[in-house]
């Protein structure tokens, strides 16, 4: 761990109360929450804002409640697709159970999943930051390191309008799995990489019309052909497993293989028909890793800088937004003279525990259940899912967990 360097009398005044490094959905919402709380914030993003990726597409109820406090929930809902339920299915047997969120109407103002690309929300948050008098948004600003001083933190910026050294009372690393901030702190990031990559295909085919019994979100179990179907405003995404030991990335992304995978969902298409329906395909590795700590003095890690996990369940981005929102609440309270050091330590411990014991276990459990090869266990899992459709109390408990509401309980 790095140790703080003593302050000197000649140091310049602080440039901000908080510097947030990383301008994805977690960094932007954290910065906006801080600015709403009256803190001066500088957000540094190394990329051009227009190039931010579209990976996450699910917003869970508690995330929407947090975004509502920032004025983002309603405009985001207008641009997204409300999923009032989601399904567990079997690749050969079809629908097993349809789980309706209506049973959570007493637990949340938003009893549904919202399907919309994360870049839509990030764009909205960027616009809100640019309009806020206490926020400063800088893109194309590459952070190369930090120095912890006795009473503040210095951030080294190698490009962009703020090139040089910036000083703030607090620094938040929201800069992704390869976090410069985490590496500068020498914080370990342990875990594992999954034994298969994920192939994601985006299609303009109206699967909700061609497969009329599906929901907007569907987890399809099969020992070989498991997959996930998710509807978004731009079309449908289909996620397939792609084992490391079978094919090269070039083969997996070849038109022939992409068509073959697409045919699992929509068989009988000609090559030309399939090509016309497939918008793009991408391949990525999946990890489950957690930082050994989320706090070193006045430097904090949130989102993928703090933890990454399997995307089964759409919990990664949501959990990161929760990290930053809850941290910002504490920093705002601390700025008013309240001693929140013990609460900040508790925040770091609780959010790390959520990543390990809640998000990690839930997402890995979903992945394991979909791909199980043992027929006896698969039958038992189907029976368990079917039972949720018949027991209101069990269904509510299950959805409190899968919607992440349970992760925020004390």
Protein backbone atom coordinates (compact mmCIF):
# COMPACT_ATOMS: atom_id res chain seq x y z
CA UNK A 1 0.00 0.00 0.00
CA UNK A 2 1.14 3.56 -0.67
CA UNK A 3 1.78 5.84 2.29
CA UNK A 4 0.78 9.54 2.24
CA UNK A 5 3.52 12.09 1.68
CA UNK A 6 3.67 15.00 4.16
CA UNK A 7 2.18 18.25 2.92
CA UNK A 8 4.31 21.34 2.31
CA UNK A 9 3.46 24.96 3.00
CA UNK A 10 3.95 25.94 -0.65
CA UNK A 11 1.29 23.66 -2.09
CA UNK A 12 -1.30 25.27 -4.36
CA UNK A 13 -4.98 25.41 -3.41
CA UNK A 14 -7.19 22.45 -4.24
CA UNK A 15 -8.65 22.26 -7.73
CA UNK A 16 -11.73 20.36 -6.55
CA UNK A 17 -13.25 18.67 -3.56
CA UNK A 18 -13.34 15.36 -5.44
CA UNK A 19 -11.69 14.13 -8.64
CA UNK A 20 -13.42 11.19 -10.32
CA UNK A 21 -11.29 9.20 -12.76
CA UNK A 22 -13.34 7.35 -15.36
CA UNK A 23 -16.36 8.63 -17.27
CA UNK A 24 -18.47 5.54 -17.80
CA UNK A 25 -21.88 5.04 -16.19
CA UNK A 26 -20.39 4.64 -12.70
CA UNK A 27 -18.03 7.62 -12.83
CA UNK A 28 -20.56 10.02 -14.34
CA UNK A 29 -23.35 9.19 -11.89
CA UNK A 30 -20.95 9.37 -8.94
CA UNK A 31 -19.71 12.78 -10.07
CA UNK A 32 -23.27 14.02 -10.58
CA UNK A 33 -24.33 12.87 -7.11
CA UNK A 34 -21.36 14.72 -5.59
CA UNK A 35 -22.15 17.91 -7.50
CA UNK A 36 -25.81 17.70 -6.47
CA UNK A 37 -24.56 17.50 -2.90
CA UNK A 38 -22.63 20.77 -3.21
CA UNK A 39 -19.11 19.47 -3.84
CA UNK A 40 -16.79 20.75 -6.55
CA UNK A 41 -16.06 17.84 -8.87
CA UNK A 42 -13.66 17.25 -11.75
CA UNK A 43 -14.32 14.16 -13.87
CA UNK A 44 -11.43 12.89 -16.03
CA UNK A 45 -12.16 10.45 -18.87
CA UNK A 46 -9.37 9.21 -21.12
CA UNK A 47 -11.61 8.54 -24.12
CA UNK A 48 -13.79 10.77 -26.23
CA UNK A 49 -17.26 10.68 -24.63
CA UNK A 50 -18.85 9.74 -27.97
CA UNK A 51 -16.90 6.45 -28.03
CA UNK A 52 -18.17 5.04 -24.73
CA UNK A 53 -19.24 1.43 -25.19
CA UNK A 54 -22.74 -0.05 -25.06
CA UNK A 55 -22.02 -3.20 -23.06
CA UNK A 56 -24.40 -3.10 -20.08
CA UNK A 57 -28.08 -2.91 -20.99
CA UNK A 58 -30.03 -3.63 -17.80
CA UNK A 59 -31.02 -1.12 -15.11
CA UNK A 60 -32.43 -2.69 -11.95
CA UNK A 61 -35.05 -1.06 -9.66
CA UNK A 62 -32.69 0.34 -6.98
CA UNK A 63 -30.47 1.83 -9.68
CA UNK A 64 -33.48 3.59 -11.18
CA UNK A 65 -34.35 4.95 -7.74
CA UNK A 66 -30.84 6.41 -7.44
CA UNK A 67 -30.98 7.82 -10.97
CA UNK A 68 -34.32 9.39 -10.15
CA UNK A 69 -32.62 11.45 -7.43
CA UNK A 70 -30.28 12.75 -10.15
CA UNK A 71 -33.07 13.59 -12.58
CA UNK A 72 -32.09 10.80 -14.98
CA UNK A 73 -34.60 7.99 -14.40
CA UNK A 74 -37.62 9.32 -16.27
CA UNK A 75 -35.78 10.45 -19.42
CA UNK A 76 -33.94 7.12 -19.43
CA UNK A 77 -37.19 5.18 -19.11
CA UNK A 78 -38.57 7.13 -22.07
CA UNK A 79 -35.68 5.89 -24.21
CA UNK A 80 -35.67 2.31 -22.93
CA UNK A 81 -37.85 -0.78 -22.94
CA UNK A 82 -39.65 -1.70 -19.72
CA UNK A 83 -39.35 -5.41 -18.98
CA UNK A 84 -42.19 -6.26 -16.55
CA UNK A 85 -40.89 -9.81 -16.24
CA UNK A 86 -38.14 -12.15 -17.33
CA UNK A 87 -38.06 -15.84 -18.17
CA UNK A 88 -36.08 -18.95 -17.48
CA UNK A 89 -36.36 -21.22 -20.49
CA UNK A 90 -35.00 -24.54 -21.71
CA UNK A 91 -33.48 -24.69 -25.20
CA UNK A 92 -35.57 -27.76 -26.06
CA UNK A 93 -38.59 -27.52 -23.73
CA UNK A 94 -39.32 -23.81 -24.05
CA UNK A 95 -40.61 -21.55 -21.28
CA UNK A 96 -40.19 -22.82 -17.73
CA UNK A 97 -41.35 -19.77 -15.76
CA UNK A 98 -42.16 -16.12 -16.32
CA UNK A 99 -41.24 -14.02 -13.26
CA UNK A 100 -43.29 -10.83 -13.02
CA UNK A 101 -41.87 -7.87 -11.11
CA UNK A 102 -45.34 -6.65 -10.16
CA UNK A 103 -44.97 -8.58 -6.90
CA UNK A 104 -42.34 -5.98 -5.87
CA UNK A 105 -44.68 -3.00 -6.19
CA UNK A 106 -44.62 -2.44 -2.41
CA UNK A 107 -40.83 -2.66 -2.34
CA UNK A 108 -39.85 -0.22 -5.08
CA UNK A 109 -41.19 2.62 -7.21
CA UNK A 110 -39.81 0.80 -10.25
CA UNK A 111 -41.08 -2.82 -10.26
CA UNK A 112 -39.42 -3.75 -13.55
CA UNK A 113 -36.10 -4.04 -15.34
CA UNK A 114 -35.28 -1.30 -17.80
CA UNK A 115 -33.52 -2.42 -20.96
CA UNK A 116 -31.42 0.32 -22.57
CA UNK A 117 -27.76 0.65 -23.50
CA UNK A 118 -25.53 2.12 -20.79
CA UNK A 119 -24.20 4.70 -23.25
CA UNK A 120 -27.66 6.31 -23.37
CA UNK A 121 -27.54 6.98 -19.64
CA UNK A 122 -23.89 8.06 -19.76
CA UNK A 123 -24.71 10.61 -22.45
CA UNK A 124 -27.50 12.00 -20.26
CA UNK A 125 -25.21 12.16 -17.23
CA UNK A 126 -22.51 13.91 -19.28
CA UNK A 127 -25.00 16.58 -20.35
CA UNK A 128 -26.12 17.06 -16.73
CA UNK A 129 -22.50 17.40 -15.57
CA UNK A 130 -21.70 19.95 -18.27
CA UNK A 131 -24.70 22.01 -17.16
CA UNK A 132 -23.88 21.84 -13.44
CA UNK A 133 -21.96 24.83 -12.03
CA UNK A 134 -19.96 22.65 -9.59
CA UNK A 135 -18.93 19.99 -12.11
CA UNK A 136 -16.17 19.97 -14.70
CA UNK A 137 -16.10 17.21 -17.32
CA UNK A 138 -12.87 16.57 -19.22
CA UNK A 139 -12.63 13.90 -21.90
CA UNK A 140 -9.43 12.74 -23.65
CA UNK A 141 -7.70 13.29 -20.29
CA UNK A 142 -5.32 10.43 -19.55
CA UNK A 143 -4.48 9.93 -15.86
CA UNK A 144 -1.04 8.41 -15.32
CA UNK A 145 -0.82 8.25 -11.52
CA UNK A 146 -1.66 9.70 -8.12
CA UNK A 147 0.22 10.81 -5.01
CA UNK A 148 -1.37 10.70 -1.59
CA UNK A 149 -0.48 13.72 0.51
CA UNK A 150 -1.22 14.25 4.20
CA UNK A 151 -4.35 16.32 3.57
CA UNK A 152 -5.17 15.78 -0.10
CA UNK A 153 -4.46 13.69 -3.20
CA UNK A 154 -2.60 14.73 -6.35
CA UNK A 155 -3.58 13.38 -9.74
CA UNK A 156 -1.19 13.43 -12.71
CA UNK A 157 -2.91 14.11 -16.04
CA UNK A 158 -0.91 13.55 -19.24
CA UNK A 159 -3.33 14.90 -21.85
CA UNK A 160 -6.40 17.06 -22.35
CA UNK A 161 -7.28 20.53 -21.10
CA UNK A 162 -6.13 19.76 -17.54
CA UNK A 163 -2.65 18.43 -18.32
CA UNK A 164 -0.43 18.57 -15.24
CA UNK A 165 -1.10 18.03 -11.55
CA UNK A 166 -4.58 18.36 -10.07
CA UNK A 167 -5.29 18.39 -6.33
CA UNK A 168 -8.42 17.33 -4.46
CA UNK A 169 -9.48 16.24 -1.01
CA UNK A 170 -10.67 12.90 -2.38
CA UNK A 171 -10.10 10.81 -5.52
CA UNK A 172 -12.46 8.12 -6.81
CA UNK A 173 -11.22 5.52 -9.28
CA UNK A 174 -14.02 4.50 -11.62
CA UNK A 175 -11.59 3.69 -14.41
CA UNK A 176 -12.40 0.09 -15.20
CA UNK A 177 -10.87 -3.33 -14.73
CA UNK A 178 -7.37 -2.13 -15.70
CA UNK A 179 -7.69 0.80 -13.29
CA UNK A 180 -4.70 3.15 -13.18
CA UNK A 181 -5.85 4.30 -9.74
CA UNK A 182 -5.96 0.78 -8.30
CA UNK A 183 -2.55 -0.02 -9.73
CA UNK A 184 -1.09 3.23 -8.36
CA UNK A 185 -2.37 2.22 -4.91
CA UNK A 186 -0.80 -1.24 -5.33
CA UNK A 187 -4.11 -2.84 -4.40
CA UNK A 188 -4.44 -6.51 -5.31
CA UNK A 189 -7.18 -7.65 -7.70
CA UNK A 190 -7.69 -11.37 -7.26
CA UNK A 191 -10.08 -13.89 -8.72
CA UNK A 192 -10.32 -15.89 -11.92
CA UNK A 193 -11.13 -15.79 -15.61
CA UNK A 194 -13.99 -18.01 -16.77
CA UNK A 195 -13.21 -21.04 -18.96
CA UNK A 196 -15.23 -19.61 -21.83
CA UNK A 197 -15.61 -16.34 -23.64
CA UNK A 198 -18.95 -14.84 -24.57
CA UNK A 199 -20.00 -14.25 -28.15
CA UNK A 200 -22.60 -11.48 -28.38
CA UNK A 201 -24.65 -11.00 -31.53
CA UNK A 202 -26.84 -7.96 -32.08
CA UNK A 203 -29.77 -8.50 -34.42
CA UNK A 204 -32.46 -6.34 -35.96
CA UNK A 205 -34.71 -9.40 -36.31
CA UNK A 206 -37.95 -8.85 -34.30
CA UNK A 207 -37.52 -11.89 -32.05
CA UNK A 208 -40.52 -10.80 -29.95
CA UNK A 209 -42.69 -11.31 -33.05
CA UNK A 210 -40.94 -14.38 -34.42
CA UNK A 211 -40.83 -16.09 -30.98
CA UNK A 212 -44.06 -14.72 -29.48
CA UNK A 213 -43.88 -16.50 -26.10
CA UNK A 214 -40.55 -14.94 -25.04
CA UNK A 215 -40.11 -12.02 -22.64
CA UNK A 216 -37.80 -9.03 -23.09
CA UNK A 217 -35.15 -10.88 -21.04
CA UNK A 218 -34.70 -14.66 -21.32
CA UNK A 219 -32.16 -17.06 -19.79
CA UNK A 220 -32.15 -20.25 -21.84
CA UNK A 221 -30.68 -23.37 -20.21
CA UNK A 222 -28.93 -26.16 -22.08
CA UNK A 223 -25.76 -28.19 -21.43
CA UNK A 224 -24.39 -27.14 -24.84
CA UNK A 225 -26.60 -24.49 -26.39
CA UNK A 226 -27.36 -22.27 -23.39
CA UNK A 227 -27.81 -18.61 -24.31
CA UNK A 228 -29.39 -15.33 -23.25
CA UNK A 229 -31.87 -13.21 -25.23
CA UNK A 230 -32.23 -9.55 -24.29
CA UNK A 231 -34.29 -6.91 -26.05
CA UNK A 232 -33.04 -3.32 -26.24
CA UNK A 233 -34.22 -0.23 -28.12
CA UNK A 234 -31.61 -0.87 -30.83
CA UNK A 235 -32.67 -4.50 -31.28
CA UNK A 236 -32.01 -7.86 -29.65
CA UNK A 237 -28.75 -9.13 -28.19
CA UNK A 238 -28.00 -12.83 -28.08
CA UNK A 239 -25.22 -14.09 -25.84
CA UNK A 240 -23.63 -17.48 -26.48
CA UNK A 241 -20.77 -19.35 -24.76
CA UNK A 242 -17.51 -19.69 -26.67
CA UNK A 243 -15.07 -22.08 -24.96
CA UNK A 244 -11.39 -21.14 -25.03
CA UNK A 245 -10.13 -24.55 -26.07
CA UNK A 246 -12.26 -25.03 -29.15
CA UNK A 247 -11.88 -22.15 -31.60
CA UNK A 248 -9.75 -19.09 -32.32
CA UNK A 249 -11.27 -15.61 -32.01
CA UNK A 250 -11.00 -15.24 -35.79
CA UNK A 251 -13.11 -18.35 -36.32
CA UNK A 252 -15.63 -17.47 -33.63
CA UNK A 253 -16.23 -14.07 -35.24
CA UNK A 254 -16.24 -15.39 -38.80
CA UNK A 255 -19.48 -14.87 -40.76
CA UNK A 256 -19.92 -18.65 -40.98
CA UNK A 257 -19.75 -19.19 -37.23
CA UNK A 258 -21.87 -16.15 -36.39
CA UNK A 259 -24.56 -17.42 -38.77
CA UNK A 260 -24.34 -20.89 -37.21
CA UNK A 261 -24.82 -19.49 -33.70
CA UNK A 262 -27.64 -17.22 -34.88
CA UNK A 263 -29.40 -20.30 -36.32
CA UNK A 264 -29.73 -21.71 -32.79
CA UNK A 265 -32.35 -19.02 -32.17
CA UNK A 266 -33.75 -18.53 -35.67
CA UNK A 267 -33.17 -21.67 -37.77
CA UNK A 268 -33.93 -21.97 -41.45
CA UNK A 269 -32.54 -18.61 -42.63
CA UNK A 270 -30.44 -18.42 -45.75
CA UNK A 271 -26.97 -16.93 -45.46
CA UNK A 272 -28.18 -13.68 -47.05
CA UNK A 273 -31.19 -13.49 -44.71
CA UNK A 274 -29.02 -14.13 -41.66
CA UNK A 275 -26.41 -11.57 -42.74
CA UNK A 276 -29.14 -8.98 -43.25
CA UNK A 277 -30.49 -9.59 -39.74
CA UNK A 278 -27.11 -9.56 -37.93
CA UNK A 279 -25.95 -6.04 -37.07
CA UNK A 280 -22.66 -6.88 -35.34
CA UNK A 281 -20.90 -9.50 -33.27
CA UNK A 282 -18.25 -9.21 -30.59
CA UNK A 283 -16.27 -11.56 -28.36
CA UNK A 284 -15.08 -10.90 -24.83
CA UNK A 285 -13.55 -12.64 -21.87
CA UNK A 286 -15.37 -12.86 -18.55
CA UNK A 287 -13.75 -12.47 -15.14
CA UNK A 288 -14.68 -12.64 -11.49
CA UNK A 289 -12.24 -10.47 -9.56
CA UNK A 290 -12.45 -8.22 -6.51
CA UNK A 291 -10.00 -5.63 -5.16
CA UNK A 292 -8.47 -6.47 -1.79
CA UNK A 293 -9.78 -3.14 -0.49
CA UNK A 294 -12.00 -0.38 -1.90
CA UNK A 295 -10.45 2.38 0.19
CA UNK A 296 -6.92 3.62 0.82
CA UNK A 297 -7.16 6.81 2.84
CA UNK A 298 -8.99 9.38 0.74
CA UNK A 299 -8.80 7.33 -2.45
CA UNK A 300 -11.68 4.99 -3.31
CA UNK A 301 -12.43 2.33 -5.94
CA UNK A 302 -15.88 1.82 -7.46
CA UNK A 303 -17.40 -0.18 -10.30
CA UNK A 304 -15.11 -2.31 -12.45
CA UNK A 305 -12.06 -0.76 -10.81
CA UNK A 306 -13.23 -2.50 -7.62
CA UNK A 307 -14.90 -5.66 -8.90
CA UNK A 308 -15.79 -7.45 -12.14
CA UNK A 309 -18.10 -10.42 -12.55
CA UNK A 310 -20.02 -12.65 -14.92
CA UNK A 311 -22.76 -10.63 -16.70
CA UNK A 312 -25.46 -13.23 -16.00
CA UNK A 313 -28.12 -11.16 -14.22
CA UNK A 314 -26.98 -7.70 -15.29
CA UNK A 315 -25.51 -6.81 -11.89
CA UNK A 316 -22.07 -5.42 -12.76
CA UNK A 317 -22.86 -1.87 -13.85
CA UNK A 318 -25.74 -1.63 -11.38
CA UNK A 319 -23.54 -2.62 -8.46
CA UNK A 320 -20.96 -0.06 -9.56
CA UNK A 321 -23.54 2.71 -9.65
CA UNK A 322 -24.57 1.69 -6.13
CA UNK A 323 -20.91 1.85 -5.02
CA UNK A 324 -20.50 5.40 -6.22
CA UNK A 325 -23.88 6.71 -5.13
CA UNK A 326 -23.50 5.47 -1.55
CA UNK A 327 -19.92 6.73 -1.38
CA UNK A 328 -20.97 10.15 -2.65
CA UNK A 329 -23.64 10.38 0.05
CA UNK A 330 -20.97 9.89 2.71
CA UNK A 331 -18.52 12.36 1.18
CA UNK A 332 -21.27 14.99 0.99
CA UNK A 333 -22.10 14.44 4.65
CA UNK A 334 -18.42 14.62 5.54
CA UNK A 335 -18.06 17.94 3.75
CA UNK A 336 -20.54 19.41 6.23
CA UNK A 337 -18.24 18.74 9.16
CA UNK A 338 -19.57 15.32 10.14
CA UNK A 339 -16.91 12.73 10.95
CA UNK A 340 -17.71 9.95 8.49
CA UNK A 341 -14.41 8.08 8.59
CA UNK A 342 -15.89 5.03 10.31
CA UNK A 343 -18.80 5.06 7.86
CA UNK A 344 -16.41 5.24 4.92
CA UNK A 345 -14.56 2.22 6.26
CA UNK A 346 -17.88 0.41 6.68
CA UNK A 347 -18.84 1.41 3.12
CA UNK A 348 -15.62 -0.13 1.78
CA UNK A 349 -16.15 -3.37 3.69
CA UNK A 350 -19.85 -3.65 2.81
CA UNK A 351 -19.41 -2.95 -0.90
CA UNK A 352 -16.57 -5.46 -1.12
CA UNK A 353 -18.76 -8.02 0.65
CA UNK A 354 -21.59 -7.31 -1.80
CA UNK A 355 -19.22 -7.93 -4.71
CA UNK A 356 -17.97 -11.19 -3.19
CA UNK A 357 -21.01 -12.66 -1.49
CA UNK A 358 -23.92 -11.21 -3.41
CA UNK A 359 -23.09 -10.19 -6.98
CA UNK A 360 -20.38 -12.82 -7.47
CA UNK A 361 -22.40 -15.70 -6.12
CA UNK A 362 -25.62 -14.69 -7.86
CA UNK A 363 -24.05 -14.23 -11.28
CA UNK A 364 -21.96 -17.38 -11.04
CA UNK A 365 -25.01 -19.30 -9.84
CA UNK A 366 -26.98 -18.14 -12.89
CA UNK A 367 -24.13 -19.15 -15.21
CA UNK A 368 -23.77 -22.57 -13.61
CA UNK A 369 -27.51 -23.29 -13.68
CA UNK A 370 -27.85 -22.46 -17.38
CA UNK A 371 -24.95 -24.66 -18.49
CA UNK A 372 -25.27 -27.65 -16.12
CA UNK A 373 -24.65 -30.95 -17.91
CA UNK A 374 -26.06 -33.28 -15.22
CA UNK A 375 -29.62 -34.20 -16.20
CA UNK A 376 -30.73 -34.90 -12.64
CA UNK A 377 -29.55 -31.48 -11.45
CA UNK A 378 -31.05 -29.83 -14.52
CA UNK A 379 -34.44 -31.40 -13.78
CA UNK A 380 -34.22 -30.26 -10.17
CA UNK A 381 -33.36 -26.73 -11.32
CA UNK A 382 -36.33 -26.66 -13.69
CA UNK A 383 -38.59 -27.78 -10.86
CA UNK A 384 -37.17 -25.06 -8.62
CA UNK A 385 -37.82 -22.38 -11.26
CA UNK A 386 -41.34 -23.71 -11.88
CA UNK A 387 -42.06 -23.57 -8.14
CA UNK A 388 -41.34 -19.82 -8.16
CA UNK A 389 -44.33 -19.34 -10.43
CA UNK A 390 -46.58 -21.02 -7.88
CA UNK A 391 -45.40 -19.50 -4.59
CA UNK A 392 -45.80 -15.73 -4.17
CA UNK A 393 -43.53 -15.48 -1.12
CA UNK A 394 -40.76 -17.48 -2.73
CA UNK A 395 -41.08 -15.48 -5.96
CA UNK A 396 -40.89 -12.18 -4.09
CA UNK A 397 -37.80 -13.29 -2.17
CA UNK A 398 -36.18 -14.47 -5.39
CA UNK A 399 -36.93 -11.21 -7.21
CA UNK A 400 -35.73 -9.08 -4.30
CA UNK A 401 -32.38 -10.76 -4.81
CA UNK A 402 -32.27 -10.80 -8.61
CA UNK A 403 -33.37 -7.15 -8.77
CA UNK A 404 -30.56 -6.23 -6.31
CA UNK A 405 -32.94 -4.68 -3.78
CA UNK A 406 -31.74 -7.23 -1.24
CA UNK A 407 -28.11 -6.20 -1.76
CA UNK A 408 -28.83 -2.77 -0.25
CA UNK A 409 -30.45 -4.03 2.93
CA UNK A 410 -28.50 -3.42 6.15
